[in-house]
Amino acid sequence: MVQYGLTPGYKRLPAYFYRSDHGREPVREWLKSLELDDRKQIGEDIKDVEFSWPIGMPLVRSLGRDLWEVRSDLSQGRIARVIFCVEAERMVLLHGFIKKTRKTPAHDLDLALKRKRGGSR
């Protein structure tokens, strides 16, 4: 018998957008604001996580507190991060941003944690 998620071609950890109490999907909105090539790269990286979970560096890194980040290298030397958590065998995309500093800014982590706990912005 084949278990769901372990069969080639099936997502092991399907991605879902966090949705606020007001129906907003901030990561989807952020992605739509990016250039097409950047959206494609981030989408490919998320897809790789969906089909290969669990996966580690260099694509995914633990941030602690049950948060993870998808690490995407974009054009012109830019770096994007999508912070997610795993709930009910789903990858919940909580927050996305273009990284400008070496360390993940505290406000980005705090926002992802707030969304993880169910708070809306």
N, C-alpha and C. Protein backbone atom coordinates (compact mmCIF):
# COMPACT_ATOMS: atom_id res chain seq x y z
N MET A 1 0.84 -1.18 0.00
CA MET A 1 0.00 0.00 0.00
C MET A 1 0.88 1.24 0.00
N VAL A 2 0.54 2.21 -0.80
CA VAL A 2 1.31 3.45 -0.91
C VAL A 2 0.71 4.48 0.02
N GLN A 3 1.57 5.16 0.79
CA GLN A 3 1.10 6.22 1.68
C GLN A 3 1.09 7.54 0.93
N TYR A 4 0.05 8.36 1.20
CA TYR A 4 -0.02 9.68 0.59
C TYR A 4 1.21 10.48 0.94
N GLY A 5 1.76 11.20 -0.01
CA GLY A 5 2.90 12.06 0.24
C GLY A 5 4.22 11.36 -0.01
N LEU A 6 4.22 10.05 -0.12
CA LEU A 6 5.47 9.33 -0.35
C LEU A 6 5.56 8.80 -1.77
N THR A 7 4.51 8.93 -2.52
CA THR A 7 4.49 8.49 -3.90
C THR A 7 5.11 9.58 -4.78
N PRO A 8 6.01 9.19 -5.69
CA PRO A 8 6.57 10.20 -6.60
C PRO A 8 5.45 10.96 -7.31
N GLY A 9 5.60 12.26 -7.40
CA GLY A 9 4.60 13.09 -8.06
C GLY A 9 3.58 13.69 -7.13
N TYR A 10 3.57 13.27 -5.87
CA TYR A 10 2.64 13.83 -4.88
C TYR A 10 3.37 14.82 -3.99
N LYS A 11 2.66 15.86 -3.60
CA LYS A 11 3.23 16.83 -2.68
C LYS A 11 3.28 16.22 -1.29
N ARG A 12 4.42 16.28 -0.67
CA ARG A 12 4.57 15.79 0.70
C ARG A 12 4.07 16.83 1.70
N LEU A 13 4.19 18.10 1.31
CA LEU A 13 3.80 19.20 2.20
C LEU A 13 3.16 20.30 1.36
N PRO A 14 1.88 20.18 1.01
CA PRO A 14 1.26 21.18 0.13
C PRO A 14 1.25 22.56 0.77
N ALA A 15 1.50 23.57 -0.04
CA ALA A 15 1.56 24.96 0.43
C ALA A 15 0.18 25.60 0.40
N TYR A 16 -0.09 26.37 1.46
CA TYR A 16 -1.31 27.15 1.58
C TYR A 16 -0.93 28.55 2.03
N PHE A 17 -1.65 29.53 1.52
CA PHE A 17 -1.41 30.91 1.94
C PHE A 17 -2.12 31.17 3.26
N TYR A 18 -1.42 31.82 4.20
CA TYR A 18 -2.07 32.31 5.41
C TYR A 18 -3.15 33.30 4.98
N ARG A 19 -4.32 33.22 5.61
CA ARG A 19 -5.41 34.14 5.32
C ARG A 19 -5.84 34.81 6.62
N SER A 20 -5.87 36.15 6.61
CA SER A 20 -6.26 36.91 7.80
C SER A 20 -7.77 36.79 8.03
N ASP A 21 -8.20 37.28 9.18
CA ASP A 21 -9.63 37.28 9.51
C ASP A 21 -10.43 38.10 8.49
N HIS A 22 -9.77 39.03 7.83
CA HIS A 22 -10.43 39.90 6.85
C HIS A 22 -10.33 39.35 5.43
N GLY A 23 -9.76 38.13 5.28
CA GLY A 23 -9.68 37.49 3.98
C GLY A 23 -8.45 37.85 3.17
N ARG A 24 -7.55 38.64 3.73
CA ARG A 24 -6.32 38.99 3.00
C ARG A 24 -5.34 37.83 3.02
N GLU A 25 -4.58 37.69 1.94
CA GLU A 25 -3.51 36.71 1.85
C GLU A 25 -2.22 37.48 1.55
N PRO A 26 -1.53 37.92 2.62
CA PRO A 26 -0.39 38.83 2.44
C PRO A 26 0.75 38.27 1.59
N VAL A 27 1.03 36.98 1.69
CA VAL A 27 2.13 36.43 0.88
C VAL A 27 1.74 36.41 -0.58
N ARG A 28 0.49 36.06 -0.88
CA ARG A 28 0.03 36.09 -2.28
C ARG A 28 0.10 37.52 -2.84
N GLU A 29 -0.34 38.49 -2.03
CA GLU A 29 -0.30 39.90 -2.46
C GLU A 29 1.14 40.34 -2.70
N TRP A 30 2.05 39.95 -1.81
CA TRP A 30 3.46 40.31 -1.96
C TRP A 30 4.03 39.69 -3.23
N LEU A 31 3.74 38.42 -3.47
CA LEU A 31 4.25 37.76 -4.67
C LEU A 31 3.76 38.46 -5.94
N LYS A 32 2.49 38.85 -5.95
CA LYS A 32 1.94 39.53 -7.13
C LYS A 32 2.59 40.88 -7.39
N SER A 33 3.20 41.47 -6.35
CA SER A 33 3.84 42.77 -6.51
C SER A 33 5.24 42.64 -7.12
N LEU A 34 5.77 41.43 -7.20
CA LEU A 34 7.13 41.21 -7.69
C LEU A 34 7.16 41.05 -9.21
N GLU A 35 8.35 41.20 -9.77
CA GLU A 35 8.54 40.96 -11.21
C GLU A 35 8.29 39.48 -11.50
N LEU A 36 7.88 39.19 -12.72
CA LEU A 36 7.53 37.84 -13.13
C LEU A 36 8.66 36.84 -12.86
N ASP A 37 9.89 37.17 -13.24
CA ASP A 37 11.01 36.24 -13.03
C ASP A 37 11.23 35.94 -11.56
N ASP A 38 11.06 36.94 -10.70
CA ASP A 38 11.22 36.73 -9.27
C ASP A 38 10.10 35.84 -8.73
N ARG A 39 8.87 36.08 -9.18
CA ARG A 39 7.74 35.24 -8.77
C ARG A 39 7.97 33.79 -9.17
N LYS A 40 8.47 33.60 -10.39
CA LYS A 40 8.74 32.24 -10.87
C LYS A 40 9.78 31.55 -10.01
N GLN A 41 10.86 32.25 -9.67
CA GLN A 41 11.92 31.65 -8.86
C GLN A 41 11.42 31.26 -7.47
N ILE A 42 10.70 32.16 -6.84
CA ILE A 42 10.17 31.87 -5.50
C ILE A 42 9.17 30.72 -5.58
N GLY A 43 8.33 30.72 -6.61
CA GLY A 43 7.37 29.64 -6.80
C GLY A 43 8.05 28.28 -6.99
N GLU A 44 9.12 28.26 -7.77
CA GLU A 44 9.87 27.02 -7.97
C GLU A 44 10.47 26.53 -6.66
N ASP A 45 10.99 27.46 -5.86
CA ASP A 45 11.59 27.08 -4.58
C ASP A 45 10.53 26.52 -3.62
N ILE A 46 9.37 27.15 -3.59
CA ILE A 46 8.28 26.65 -2.74
C ILE A 46 7.85 25.27 -3.23
N LYS A 47 7.76 25.10 -4.54
CA LYS A 47 7.38 23.81 -5.11
C LYS A 47 8.38 22.73 -4.71
N ASP A 48 9.68 23.07 -4.74
CA ASP A 48 10.70 22.10 -4.34
C ASP A 48 10.50 21.65 -2.90
N VAL A 49 10.11 22.57 -2.03
CA VAL A 49 9.84 22.21 -0.63
C VAL A 49 8.61 21.31 -0.56
N GLU A 50 7.57 21.65 -1.30
CA GLU A 50 6.34 20.85 -1.29
C GLU A 50 6.61 19.38 -1.63
N PHE A 51 7.45 19.15 -2.63
CA PHE A 51 7.69 17.80 -3.11
C PHE A 51 8.84 17.09 -2.40
N SER A 52 9.70 17.81 -1.70
CA SER A 52 10.91 17.22 -1.12
C SER A 52 10.96 17.28 0.40
N TRP A 53 9.92 17.75 1.05
CA TRP A 53 9.93 17.90 2.51
C TRP A 53 10.13 16.54 3.18
N PRO A 54 10.94 16.45 4.22
CA PRO A 54 11.74 17.51 4.82
C PRO A 54 13.01 17.76 4.01
N ILE A 55 13.39 19.00 3.96
CA ILE A 55 14.56 19.42 3.19
C ILE A 55 15.29 20.49 4.00
N GLY A 56 16.59 20.55 3.85
CA GLY A 56 17.37 21.50 4.63
C GLY A 56 18.08 22.52 3.77
N MET A 57 19.20 22.99 4.28
CA MET A 57 19.99 24.00 3.60
C MET A 57 20.49 23.44 2.27
N PRO A 58 20.66 24.26 1.26
CA PRO A 58 20.57 25.72 1.30
C PRO A 58 19.17 26.27 1.03
N LEU A 59 18.18 25.41 0.74
CA LEU A 59 16.85 25.90 0.37
C LEU A 59 16.00 26.28 1.58
N VAL A 60 16.06 25.50 2.64
CA VAL A 60 15.21 25.72 3.81
C VAL A 60 16.08 25.79 5.06
N ARG A 61 15.73 26.73 5.93
CA ARG A 61 16.45 26.86 7.20
C ARG A 61 15.42 27.05 8.31
N SER A 62 15.69 26.40 9.44
CA SER A 62 14.83 26.57 10.61
C SER A 62 15.13 27.92 11.25
N LEU A 63 14.08 28.62 11.65
CA LEU A 63 14.23 29.89 12.36
C LEU A 63 13.93 29.72 13.85
N GLY A 64 13.62 28.50 14.26
CA GLY A 64 13.21 28.25 15.64
C GLY A 64 11.74 28.58 15.81
N ARG A 65 11.21 28.26 16.96
CA ARG A 65 9.81 28.54 17.30
C ARG A 65 8.84 27.97 16.25
N ASP A 66 9.22 26.83 15.68
CA ASP A 66 8.41 26.14 14.66
C ASP A 66 8.19 26.98 13.40
N LEU A 67 9.14 27.86 13.11
CA LEU A 67 9.12 28.63 11.86
C LEU A 67 10.28 28.19 10.99
N TRP A 68 10.05 28.23 9.68
CA TRP A 68 11.05 27.87 8.69
C TRP A 68 11.07 28.96 7.63
N GLU A 69 12.16 29.03 6.87
CA GLU A 69 12.21 29.97 5.76
C GLU A 69 12.63 29.26 4.49
N VAL A 70 11.97 29.63 3.39
CA VAL A 70 12.38 29.23 2.05
C VAL A 70 13.32 30.32 1.58
N ARG A 71 14.51 29.94 1.14
CA ARG A 71 15.56 30.89 0.76
C ARG A 71 15.68 30.93 -0.76
N SER A 72 15.38 32.07 -1.34
CA SER A 72 15.40 32.21 -2.80
C SER A 72 16.41 33.27 -3.22
N ASP A 73 17.25 32.91 -4.18
CA ASP A 73 18.18 33.87 -4.79
C ASP A 73 17.53 34.43 -6.04
N LEU A 74 17.41 35.76 -6.07
CA LEU A 74 16.75 36.43 -7.18
C LEU A 74 17.77 37.12 -8.08
N SER A 75 17.28 37.75 -9.14
CA SER A 75 18.15 38.49 -10.06
C SER A 75 18.78 39.68 -9.36
N GLN A 76 19.86 40.15 -9.90
CA GLN A 76 20.57 41.33 -9.42
C GLN A 76 21.07 41.17 -7.98
N GLY A 77 21.37 39.93 -7.58
CA GLY A 77 21.94 39.68 -6.27
C GLY A 77 20.98 39.83 -5.10
N ARG A 78 19.69 39.95 -5.39
CA ARG A 78 18.72 40.10 -4.30
C ARG A 78 18.35 38.74 -3.71
N ILE A 79 17.86 38.78 -2.49
CA ILE A 79 17.49 37.56 -1.77
C ILE A 79 16.08 37.72 -1.24
N ALA A 80 15.26 36.68 -1.44
CA ALA A 80 13.89 36.69 -0.91
C ALA A 80 13.76 35.58 0.12
N ARG A 81 12.88 35.82 1.07
CA ARG A 81 12.57 34.82 2.08
C ARG A 81 11.06 34.70 2.21
N VAL A 82 10.59 33.47 2.33
CA VAL A 82 9.19 33.21 2.65
C VAL A 82 9.21 32.40 3.94
N ILE A 83 8.63 32.97 4.99
CA ILE A 83 8.58 32.29 6.28
C ILE A 83 7.29 31.48 6.34
N PHE A 84 7.44 30.23 6.79
CA PHE A 84 6.28 29.35 6.88
C PHE A 84 6.33 28.51 8.14
N CYS A 85 5.19 27.93 8.46
CA CYS A 85 5.11 26.95 9.54
C CYS A 85 4.45 25.70 8.96
N VAL A 86 4.52 24.61 9.69
CA VAL A 86 3.90 23.36 9.26
C VAL A 86 2.77 23.07 10.24
N GLU A 87 1.56 22.99 9.71
CA GLU A 87 0.38 22.69 10.51
C GLU A 87 -0.49 21.70 9.74
N ALA A 88 -0.88 20.63 10.41
CA ALA A 88 -1.75 19.62 9.81
C ALA A 88 -1.22 19.14 8.47
N GLU A 89 0.08 18.87 8.43
CA GLU A 89 0.75 18.38 7.22
C GLU A 89 0.62 19.34 6.04
N ARG A 90 0.59 20.63 6.36
CA ARG A 90 0.53 21.69 5.34
C ARG A 90 1.63 22.70 5.60
N MET A 91 2.13 23.29 4.54
CA MET A 91 3.09 24.38 4.61
C MET A 91 2.26 25.67 4.53
N VAL A 92 2.21 26.41 5.64
CA VAL A 92 1.42 27.63 5.67
C VAL A 92 2.35 28.82 5.46
N LEU A 93 2.21 29.51 4.33
CA LEU A 93 3.07 30.63 3.98
C LEU A 93 2.60 31.86 4.75
N LEU A 94 3.43 32.30 5.71
CA LEU A 94 3.03 33.34 6.64
C LEU A 94 3.47 34.74 6.24
N HIS A 95 4.70 34.86 5.70
CA HIS A 95 5.26 36.19 5.43
C HIS A 95 6.35 36.07 4.38
N GLY A 96 6.39 37.01 3.46
CA GLY A 96 7.43 37.06 2.44
C GLY A 96 8.04 38.44 2.38
N PHE A 97 9.35 38.49 2.10
CA PHE A 97 10.03 39.79 2.02
C PHE A 97 11.34 39.64 1.26
N ILE A 98 11.84 40.77 0.79
CA ILE A 98 13.16 40.85 0.18
C ILE A 98 14.14 41.15 1.32
N LYS A 99 15.12 40.30 1.45
CA LYS A 99 16.06 40.43 2.56
C LYS A 99 17.12 41.47 2.22
N LYS A 100 17.34 42.41 3.14
CA LYS A 100 18.30 43.49 2.91
C LYS A 100 19.43 43.48 3.91
N THR A 101 19.31 42.67 4.96
CA THR A 101 20.36 42.59 5.98
C THR A 101 20.77 41.13 6.15
N ARG A 102 21.90 40.92 6.77
CA ARG A 102 22.40 39.56 6.96
C ARG A 102 21.47 38.74 7.84
N LYS A 103 21.01 39.33 8.92
CA LYS A 103 20.14 38.65 9.87
C LYS A 103 18.68 38.96 9.52
N THR A 104 17.81 37.98 9.72
CA THR A 104 16.38 38.21 9.48
C THR A 104 15.89 39.24 10.49
N PRO A 105 15.32 40.35 10.01
CA PRO A 105 14.85 41.40 10.92
C PRO A 105 13.80 40.88 11.91
N ALA A 106 13.90 41.36 13.14
CA ALA A 106 12.99 40.93 14.21
C ALA A 106 11.53 41.20 13.85
N HIS A 107 11.25 42.34 13.19
CA HIS A 107 9.85 42.65 12.88
C HIS A 107 9.27 41.65 11.88
N ASP A 108 10.10 41.09 10.99
CA ASP A 108 9.61 40.08 10.05
C ASP A 108 9.29 38.78 10.78
N LEU A 109 10.17 38.39 11.71
CA LEU A 109 9.91 37.19 12.51
C LEU A 109 8.67 37.37 13.39
N ASP A 110 8.56 38.53 14.02
CA ASP A 110 7.43 38.80 14.90
C ASP A 110 6.10 38.75 14.13
N LEU A 111 6.10 39.31 12.92
CA LEU A 111 4.89 39.29 12.11
C LEU A 111 4.50 37.86 11.74
N ALA A 112 5.48 37.06 11.36
CA ALA A 112 5.21 35.66 11.03
C ALA A 112 4.67 34.91 12.25
N LEU A 113 5.25 35.15 13.41
CA LEU A 113 4.77 34.51 14.64
C LEU A 113 3.34 34.92 14.98
N LYS A 114 3.06 36.19 14.80
CA LYS A 114 1.70 36.70 15.06
C LYS A 114 0.70 36.00 14.15
N ARG A 115 1.05 35.87 12.87
CA ARG A 115 0.16 35.21 11.93
C ARG A 115 0.03 33.73 12.26
N LYS A 116 1.11 33.12 12.69
CA LYS A 116 1.07 31.70 13.07
C LYS A 116 0.09 31.47 14.22
N ARG A 117 0.08 32.40 15.15
CA ARG A 117 -0.82 32.28 16.31
C ARG A 117 -2.25 32.65 15.95
N GLY A 118 -2.47 33.11 14.72
CA GLY A 118 -3.83 33.41 14.28
C GLY A 118 -4.21 34.87 14.31
N GLY A 119 -3.26 35.74 14.64
CA GLY A 119 -3.57 37.18 14.64
C GLY A 119 -3.53 37.74 13.25
N SER A 120 -4.32 38.74 13.00
CA SER A 120 -4.29 39.39 11.69
C SER A 120 -3.62 40.73 11.83
N ARG A 121 -3.17 41.25 10.71
CA ARG A 121 -2.44 42.50 10.72
C ARG A 121 -3.36 43.62 10.38
